[in-house]
Amino acid sequence: MKTIARLLFYIIFIWLLSACGTPQQYPTSEFIPTEFVPTEPPAITNVENASIAPELNSIAPNFTLNDTHGNTYDLWGLRGYPVLVNFWATWCGPCLEELPALQAIFNRYQSDGLIILAINGDGESFSDIDNYRQENGLSFPLLIDTDESAPASYQIGAFPTSFFVDRNGIIQYINYGSLDEQGFDDILNSTILVGNSSYLAIDLPGNVWSVDISEPHVYNYSILSDDIFSNFTVQTDVEINNNAHEYHGLFFRQQDDKNFYSFRITPDGFFEFDVWHSGDYSFDTILGPTQSDYIYRGVGQTNTLKVVTNNENFDLYINGQYVGSISDTNFQSGKVGVISCTCDGSNATSATFYNFSLIDQP
């Protein structure tokens, strides 16, 4: 394994230049590679032998839909967050009475990581849905489903219907009919938010971190909080600005500048998970390099990376799609941030990070 001694403080908090190691298999770690989208989310811990069905204590059926802003939501890609899935229509009187209550609940619990997805279940047009959103000042996602695939998967017989889905993707409560604000609050705090000590510890939607490395075999990173985190869901958007085969992404559970985990991607579609643990600025690759069709390839493309940590287990997502799991016991807690590297020997690379967030789950 190669070691490079160069160290440079750079950009915002702490930026370090250091040597990188040749990828090797670290013998005490285990990984679970996946070549296809899993048939269920990884690490379902609350329910044994859970089936995929729109029923209590079952895995909520997946859907991938766009909202009125063009953002894509994949339900299984939201693992780590409590999700309220609501089916509605613009012609449904009880639905229209309920939507302001949903907005109030969204305002109250967004900082706790609650995601509300309101699916228009009657195949209505984009313009009808977006006009209603604008006229009523709704800021949570209104999803468009013109072919009505999601209502079919959830066996919707009447509007409104709400599914309360916990952080593991399990349906904990189903409500048929409308609710007022207090009704939503009571159900949330007795089901998917019960005993909730999670909170949005870091939310930096307007912040941008730019990296520009002009030497081979160095890495730069930025710590985005001085707090120590153990179990959490962390994600960031990364835009890679040149075509060098170099890795950019997240680091977490950082002990110091020589010891941490990283989950990174390249502009040509590869990802890897590394443990930096030897104390000499070197790392071992314990998953990858693996090519994935879920990575948007090319210069200037933006990809979203997410890691869900649970003790020694790490579930990895790219653009809302699950790509693999890791088990490793080197580090139990630490700091978090973003990282870029010319570890494969390129003379230069650059990237931009933004929309960094972390849900702490103590």
Protein backbone atom coordinates (compact mmCIF):
# COMPACT_ATOMS: atom_id res chain seq x y z
CA MET A 1 0.00 0.00 0.00
CA LYS A 2 1.36 3.39 -1.02
CA THR A 3 1.70 6.28 1.39
CA ILE A 4 2.07 9.95 0.54
CA ALA A 5 3.15 12.37 3.20
CA ARG A 6 1.79 15.60 1.84
CA LEU A 7 -0.79 17.41 3.95
CA LEU A 8 -2.52 20.72 3.11
CA PHE A 9 -5.31 22.55 4.92
CA TYR A 10 -7.87 23.70 2.33
CA ILE A 11 -11.41 25.13 1.94
CA ILE A 12 -13.81 26.17 4.69
CA PHE A 13 -13.18 24.02 7.76
CA ILE A 14 -10.34 21.53 7.31
CA TRP A 15 -8.96 20.44 3.95
CA LEU A 16 -6.19 17.91 3.93
CA LEU A 17 -3.89 16.59 1.26
CA SER A 18 -2.59 13.12 1.88
CA ALA A 19 -1.53 9.85 0.34
CA CYS A 20 -3.86 7.16 -0.93
CA GLY A 21 -3.49 3.42 -0.87
CA THR A 22 -3.85 0.78 -3.51
CA PRO A 23 -7.29 -0.84 -3.06
CA GLN A 24 -7.04 -4.07 -1.08
CA GLN A 25 -9.54 -6.40 0.56
CA TYR A 26 -9.74 -5.73 4.28
CA PRO A 27 -10.13 -9.19 5.84
CA THR A 28 -12.26 -8.34 8.89
CA SER A 29 -15.00 -6.56 6.91
CA GLU A 30 -17.94 -8.03 5.02
CA PHE A 31 -19.98 -6.62 2.17
CA ILE A 32 -23.14 -7.61 0.34
CA PRO A 33 -22.90 -6.57 -3.34
CA THR A 34 -26.05 -6.24 -5.41
CA GLU A 35 -26.29 -6.37 -9.20
CA PHE A 36 -30.01 -5.61 -9.36
CA VAL A 37 -32.53 -3.50 -7.47
CA PRO A 38 -33.40 -5.48 -4.32
CA THR A 39 -36.93 -6.88 -4.01
CA GLU A 40 -37.16 -5.30 -0.57
CA PRO A 41 -35.20 -2.66 1.33
CA PRO A 42 -32.08 -3.91 3.15
CA ALA A 43 -31.88 -4.57 6.88
CA ILE A 44 -35.59 -4.76 7.68
CA THR A 45 -35.29 -5.03 11.44
CA ASN A 46 -38.77 -4.36 12.83
CA VAL A 47 -40.68 -7.24 11.26
CA GLU A 48 -39.51 -10.76 10.56
CA ASN A 49 -40.43 -12.28 7.19
CA ALA A 50 -42.22 -9.10 6.12
CA SER A 51 -43.97 -9.28 2.75
CA ILE A 52 -44.44 -6.45 0.26
CA ALA A 53 -48.09 -5.41 0.49
CA PRO A 54 -50.28 -2.38 1.33
CA GLU A 55 -51.03 -3.90 4.73
CA LEU A 56 -50.05 -3.30 8.34
CA ASN A 57 -46.61 -4.65 9.30
CA SER A 58 -45.74 -5.20 5.64
CA ILE A 59 -43.14 -3.50 3.46
CA ALA A 60 -44.76 -0.57 1.67
CA PRO A 61 -44.83 -1.21 -2.11
CA ASN A 62 -42.27 0.85 -3.97
CA PHE A 63 -43.07 3.62 -6.43
CA THR A 64 -41.02 6.12 -8.41
CA LEU A 65 -42.89 9.32 -9.25
CA ASN A 66 -42.16 12.97 -10.03
CA ASP A 67 -43.56 15.97 -8.22
CA THR A 68 -44.73 19.22 -9.79
CA HIS A 69 -41.19 20.61 -9.65
CA GLY A 70 -39.77 17.65 -11.61
CA ASN A 71 -38.10 16.05 -8.57
CA THR A 72 -38.14 12.24 -8.52
CA TYR A 73 -39.16 10.32 -5.40
CA ASP A 74 -38.41 6.61 -5.01
CA LEU A 75 -40.04 5.33 -1.82
CA TRP A 76 -37.48 2.61 -1.09
CA GLY A 77 -34.72 5.13 -1.64
CA LEU A 78 -36.09 7.09 1.34
CA ARG A 79 -35.20 4.41 3.85
CA GLY A 80 -33.97 6.04 7.04
CA TYR A 81 -36.80 8.58 7.01
CA PRO A 82 -40.39 8.32 8.31
CA VAL A 83 -42.76 8.79 5.35
CA LEU A 84 -46.45 9.67 5.21
CA VAL A 85 -47.93 8.54 1.87
CA ASN A 86 -51.27 10.20 1.12
CA PHE A 87 -53.58 9.47 -1.84
CA TRP A 88 -55.86 12.32 -2.92
CA ALA A 89 -57.66 13.99 -5.85
CA THR A 90 -58.57 17.59 -6.67
CA TRP A 91 -62.30 16.76 -6.95
CA CYS A 92 -62.37 15.04 -3.54
CA GLY A 93 -63.88 17.37 -0.92
CA PRO A 94 -62.48 15.54 2.15
CA CYS A 95 -59.04 15.51 0.47
CA LEU A 96 -59.09 19.27 -0.02
CA GLU A 97 -60.11 19.75 3.62
CA GLU A 98 -57.22 17.51 4.69
CA LEU A 99 -54.37 19.07 2.66
CA PRO A 100 -54.00 22.18 4.88
CA ALA A 101 -53.61 19.85 7.87
CA LEU A 102 -50.88 17.99 5.98
CA GLN A 103 -49.14 21.30 5.34
CA ALA A 104 -49.25 22.16 9.05
CA ILE A 105 -47.87 18.73 9.96
CA PHE A 106 -45.14 19.10 7.35
CA ASN A 107 -44.15 22.47 8.81
CA ARG A 108 -44.02 21.01 12.31
CA TYR A 109 -42.12 17.77 11.67
CA GLN A 110 -39.96 18.45 8.63
CA SER A 111 -37.04 19.18 10.97
CA ASP A 112 -37.51 15.69 12.47
CA GLY A 113 -37.00 14.15 9.03
CA LEU A 114 -40.67 13.49 8.24
CA ILE A 115 -41.36 13.23 4.50
CA ILE A 116 -44.89 13.69 3.16
CA LEU A 117 -45.66 12.37 -0.33
CA ALA A 118 -49.16 13.26 -1.56
CA ILE A 119 -49.92 11.12 -4.62
CA ASN A 120 -52.69 12.32 -6.91
CA GLY A 121 -54.44 9.00 -7.30
CA ASP A 122 -56.88 9.75 -10.11
CA GLY A 123 -54.49 10.27 -13.01
CA GLU A 124 -55.02 14.03 -13.15
CA SER A 125 -52.84 16.27 -15.31
CA PHE A 126 -49.72 18.10 -14.27
CA SER A 127 -51.37 21.48 -14.82
CA ASP A 128 -54.38 20.68 -12.62
CA ILE A 129 -52.16 19.47 -9.78
CA ASP A 130 -49.63 22.28 -10.05
CA ASN A 131 -52.33 24.95 -10.23
CA TYR A 132 -53.86 23.59 -7.04
CA ARG A 133 -50.46 23.57 -5.33
CA GLN A 134 -49.77 27.19 -6.22
CA GLU A 135 -53.26 28.44 -5.36
CA ASN A 136 -53.10 26.83 -1.91
CA GLY A 137 -49.45 27.43 -1.02
CA LEU A 138 -48.52 23.76 -0.49
CA SER A 139 -44.79 23.12 -0.07
CA PHE A 140 -44.68 19.33 0.45
CA PRO A 141 -44.35 17.13 -2.68
CA LEU A 142 -47.48 16.54 -4.77
CA LEU A 143 -46.70 13.52 -6.94
CA ILE A 144 -48.05 12.97 -10.44
CA ASP A 145 -49.21 9.46 -11.42
CA THR A 146 -51.08 9.74 -14.70
CA ASP A 147 -51.21 5.97 -15.26
CA GLU A 148 -52.46 5.37 -11.68
CA SER A 149 -49.86 2.67 -10.99
CA ALA A 150 -49.35 3.60 -7.33
CA PRO A 151 -53.08 3.50 -6.42
CA ALA A 152 -53.23 0.06 -8.05
CA SER A 153 -50.23 -1.16 -6.02
CA TYR A 154 -51.78 0.19 -2.82
CA GLN A 155 -55.28 -1.10 -3.68
CA ILE A 156 -56.84 2.33 -3.17
CA GLY A 157 -60.63 2.17 -3.12
CA ALA A 158 -61.42 5.68 -1.93
CA PHE A 159 -59.80 9.05 -1.29
CA PRO A 160 -58.18 10.17 0.89
CA THR A 161 -56.15 7.26 2.23
CA SER A 162 -52.92 7.64 4.21
CA PHE A 163 -50.12 5.15 4.90
CA PHE A 164 -47.70 5.79 7.77
CA VAL A 165 -44.36 4.18 6.82
CA ASP A 166 -41.51 3.92 9.33
CA ARG A 167 -37.77 4.34 8.76
CA ASN A 168 -37.41 0.69 7.76
CA GLY A 169 -40.11 0.91 5.09
CA ILE A 170 -42.76 -0.88 7.19
CA ILE A 171 -46.39 0.27 7.18
CA GLN A 172 -47.29 1.02 10.80
CA TYR A 173 -50.76 2.53 10.30
CA ILE A 174 -53.36 3.01 7.55
CA ASN A 175 -56.06 5.66 7.75
CA TYR A 176 -59.10 5.53 5.46
CA GLY A 177 -60.77 8.93 5.18
CA SER A 178 -59.74 12.45 6.10
CA LEU A 179 -57.88 13.63 9.20
CA ASP A 180 -57.49 17.01 10.82
CA GLU A 181 -54.18 18.33 12.11
CA GLN A 182 -54.63 16.80 15.56
CA GLY A 183 -55.54 13.44 14.04
CA PHE A 184 -52.34 13.36 11.98
CA ASP A 185 -50.34 14.46 15.01
CA ASP A 186 -51.76 11.73 17.24
CA ILE A 187 -51.13 8.95 14.72
CA LEU A 188 -47.61 10.12 13.87
CA ASN A 189 -46.58 10.29 17.51
CA SER A 190 -48.03 6.87 18.30
CA THR A 191 -46.54 5.12 15.24
CA ILE A 192 -43.68 6.28 13.01
CA LEU A 193 -42.52 9.11 15.28
CA VAL A 194 -43.13 7.29 18.58
CA GLY A 195 -40.14 7.57 20.88
CA ASN A 196 -38.49 9.56 18.15
CA SER A 197 -35.17 11.04 19.24
CA SER A 198 -34.07 11.57 15.66
CA TYR A 199 -33.66 15.07 14.34
CA LEU A 200 -32.28 16.95 11.37
CA ALA A 201 -28.85 17.64 12.85
CA ILE A 202 -27.31 19.14 9.70
CA ASP A 203 -29.24 20.79 6.88
CA LEU A 204 -27.20 22.91 4.47
CA PRO A 205 -29.33 23.33 1.32
CA GLY A 206 -27.78 26.62 0.26
CA ASN A 207 -24.16 25.80 0.97
CA VAL A 208 -21.67 24.84 -1.73
CA TRP A 209 -18.21 23.31 -1.32
CA SER A 210 -15.89 23.36 -4.31
CA VAL A 211 -12.83 21.15 -4.67
CA ASP A 212 -10.03 21.72 -7.17
CA ILE A 213 -7.07 19.34 -6.87
CA SER A 214 -4.08 19.89 -9.18
CA GLU A 215 -1.71 17.13 -8.04
CA PRO A 216 -1.83 13.32 -8.18
CA HIS A 217 -2.23 11.09 -5.12
CA VAL A 218 -3.73 13.59 -2.71
CA TYR A 219 -7.16 14.02 -1.12
CA ASN A 220 -9.12 17.01 0.13
CA TYR A 221 -11.95 16.86 2.62
CA SER A 222 -14.18 19.24 4.55
CA ILE A 223 -15.68 18.52 7.96
CA LEU A 224 -19.24 19.88 7.95
CA SER A 225 -19.90 19.68 11.69
CA ASP A 226 -17.79 19.43 14.81
CA ASP A 227 -20.42 17.15 16.37
CA ILE A 228 -19.85 13.41 16.81
CA PHE A 229 -22.46 11.09 15.26
CA SER A 230 -22.93 7.34 15.60
CA ASN A 231 -26.14 6.17 13.88
CA PHE A 232 -27.54 8.44 11.20
CA THR A 233 -28.69 8.96 7.62
CA VAL A 234 -26.35 11.26 5.71
CA GLN A 235 -26.54 12.41 2.11
CA THR A 236 -25.13 14.97 -0.31
CA ASP A 237 -25.35 15.99 -3.95
CA VAL A 238 -22.07 15.94 -5.87
CA GLU A 239 -21.34 17.40 -9.30
CA ILE A 240 -18.05 16.17 -10.80
CA ASN A 241 -16.53 18.82 -13.04
CA ASN A 242 -13.99 16.88 -15.12
CA ASN A 243 -13.76 13.40 -16.61
CA ALA A 244 -10.78 12.08 -14.62
CA HIS A 245 -11.42 8.62 -13.16
CA GLU A 246 -11.27 9.84 -9.56
CA TYR A 247 -13.59 9.41 -6.60
CA HIS A 248 -15.78 12.02 -4.86
CA GLY A 249 -18.36 11.61 -2.09
CA LEU A 250 -19.03 11.31 1.63
CA PHE A 251 -16.80 10.54 4.60
CA PHE A 252 -18.15 9.71 8.06
CA ARG A 253 -17.29 8.40 11.53
CA GLN A 254 -14.03 10.31 11.21
CA GLN A 255 -11.63 9.89 14.14
CA ASP A 256 -8.92 12.17 12.76
CA ASP A 257 -7.39 12.99 9.37
CA LYS A 258 -6.13 9.40 9.04
CA ASN A 259 -9.06 7.27 10.23
CA PHE A 260 -12.60 7.30 8.75
CA TYR A 261 -14.99 5.67 6.24
CA SER A 262 -15.74 6.99 2.75
CA PHE A 263 -18.38 6.28 0.07
CA ARG A 264 -17.46 7.78 -3.31
CA ILE A 265 -18.22 7.73 -7.04
CA THR A 266 -16.44 8.52 -10.32
CA PRO A 267 -17.78 10.41 -13.38
CA ASP A 268 -17.57 7.23 -15.46
CA GLY A 269 -19.97 5.31 -13.22
CA PHE A 270 -17.99 3.49 -10.49
CA PHE A 271 -18.47 3.55 -6.71
CA GLU A 272 -16.51 2.18 -3.77
CA PHE A 273 -16.60 2.04 0.02
CA ASP A 274 -13.27 2.49 1.83
CA VAL A 275 -11.96 2.30 5.37
CA TRP A 276 -9.04 4.60 6.16
CA HIS A 277 -7.65 3.02 9.30
CA SER A 278 -3.91 2.43 9.17
CA GLY A 279 -2.90 5.82 10.54
CA ASP A 280 -0.71 6.64 7.54
CA TYR A 281 -3.25 8.35 5.20
CA SER A 282 -3.88 5.08 3.34
CA PHE A 283 -7.09 3.10 2.88
CA ASP A 284 -8.49 -0.34 2.10
CA THR A 285 -11.36 -0.72 -0.35
CA ILE A 286 -13.89 -3.17 1.09
CA LEU A 287 -16.61 -2.74 -1.56
CA GLY A 288 -15.78 -1.97 -5.19
CA PRO A 289 -14.74 -0.50 -7.43
CA THR A 290 -18.18 -1.45 -8.78
CA GLN A 291 -19.82 -0.01 -11.90
CA SER A 292 -23.45 1.03 -11.48
CA ASP A 293 -26.10 2.09 -13.97
CA TYR A 294 -27.63 4.22 -11.22
CA ILE A 295 -24.80 6.75 -11.50
CA TYR A 296 -25.42 9.62 -13.92
CA ARG A 297 -22.23 9.63 -15.97
CA GLY A 298 -20.29 12.48 -17.50
CA VAL A 299 -18.91 15.89 -16.64
CA GLY A 300 -21.39 18.19 -14.91
CA GLN A 301 -23.85 15.46 -13.90
CA THR A 302 -25.25 15.64 -10.36
CA ASN A 303 -25.58 12.48 -8.27
CA THR A 304 -27.06 12.05 -4.79
CA LEU A 305 -25.16 9.78 -2.38
CA LYS A 306 -26.71 8.49 0.85
CA VAL A 307 -25.48 6.25 3.67
CA VAL A 308 -27.73 4.79 6.38
CA THR A 309 -25.67 3.67 9.39
CA ASN A 310 -26.89 1.29 12.09
CA ASN A 311 -24.10 0.28 14.48
CA GLU A 312 -21.65 -1.76 12.38
CA ASN A 313 -23.95 -1.89 9.32
CA PHE A 314 -23.97 0.58 6.42
CA ASP A 315 -26.55 0.64 3.61
CA LEU A 316 -25.51 2.56 0.49
CA TYR A 317 -27.70 4.46 -1.98
CA ILE A 318 -27.03 6.32 -5.22
CA ASN A 319 -29.78 8.55 -6.63
CA GLY A 320 -32.31 6.89 -4.36
CA GLN A 321 -31.35 3.35 -5.42
CA TYR A 322 -29.89 0.79 -3.03
CA VAL A 323 -26.49 -0.45 -4.26
CA GLY A 324 -25.05 -2.51 -1.41
CA SER A 325 -24.42 -3.08 2.30
CA ILE A 326 -21.27 -3.13 4.42
CA SER A 327 -20.50 -4.54 7.85
CA ASP A 328 -17.40 -3.17 9.59
CA THR A 329 -16.43 -2.53 13.22
CA ASN A 330 -13.44 -0.18 12.93
CA PHE A 331 -15.24 3.03 13.94
CA GLN A 332 -18.39 3.40 16.03
CA SER A 333 -18.81 7.18 15.80
CA GLY A 334 -17.13 10.30 14.48
CA LYS A 335 -17.44 13.43 12.36
CA VAL A 336 -18.92 13.71 8.86
CA GLY A 337 -18.23 15.62 5.66
CA VAL A 338 -17.34 15.47 1.96
CA ILE A 339 -14.18 14.23 0.24
CA SER A 340 -12.42 14.23 -3.15
CA CYS A 341 -9.25 12.44 -4.18
CA THR A 342 -6.75 11.95 -7.00
CA CYS A 343 -6.07 8.54 -5.50
CA ASP A 344 -5.83 6.82 -8.90
CA GLY A 345 -3.02 9.11 -10.03
CA SER A 346 -4.71 11.76 -12.17
CA ASN A 347 -3.00 15.14 -12.31
CA ALA A 348 -6.18 17.04 -11.50
CA THR A 349 -9.84 16.69 -10.55
CA SER A 350 -12.62 18.96 -9.33
CA ALA A 351 -16.12 18.67 -7.88
CA THR A 352 -18.87 20.66 -6.22
CA PHE A 353 -20.90 19.44 -3.23
CA TYR A 354 -24.23 20.85 -2.06
CA ASN A 355 -27.49 19.97 -0.26
CA PHE A 356 -25.64 18.16 2.54
CA SER A 357 -27.92 16.84 5.29
CA LEU A 358 -27.80 14.43 8.22
CA ILE A 359 -30.61 12.89 10.27
CA ASP A 360 -29.20 11.85 13.63
CA GLN A 361 -30.66 8.69 15.18
CA PRO A 362 -29.17 8.47 18.68
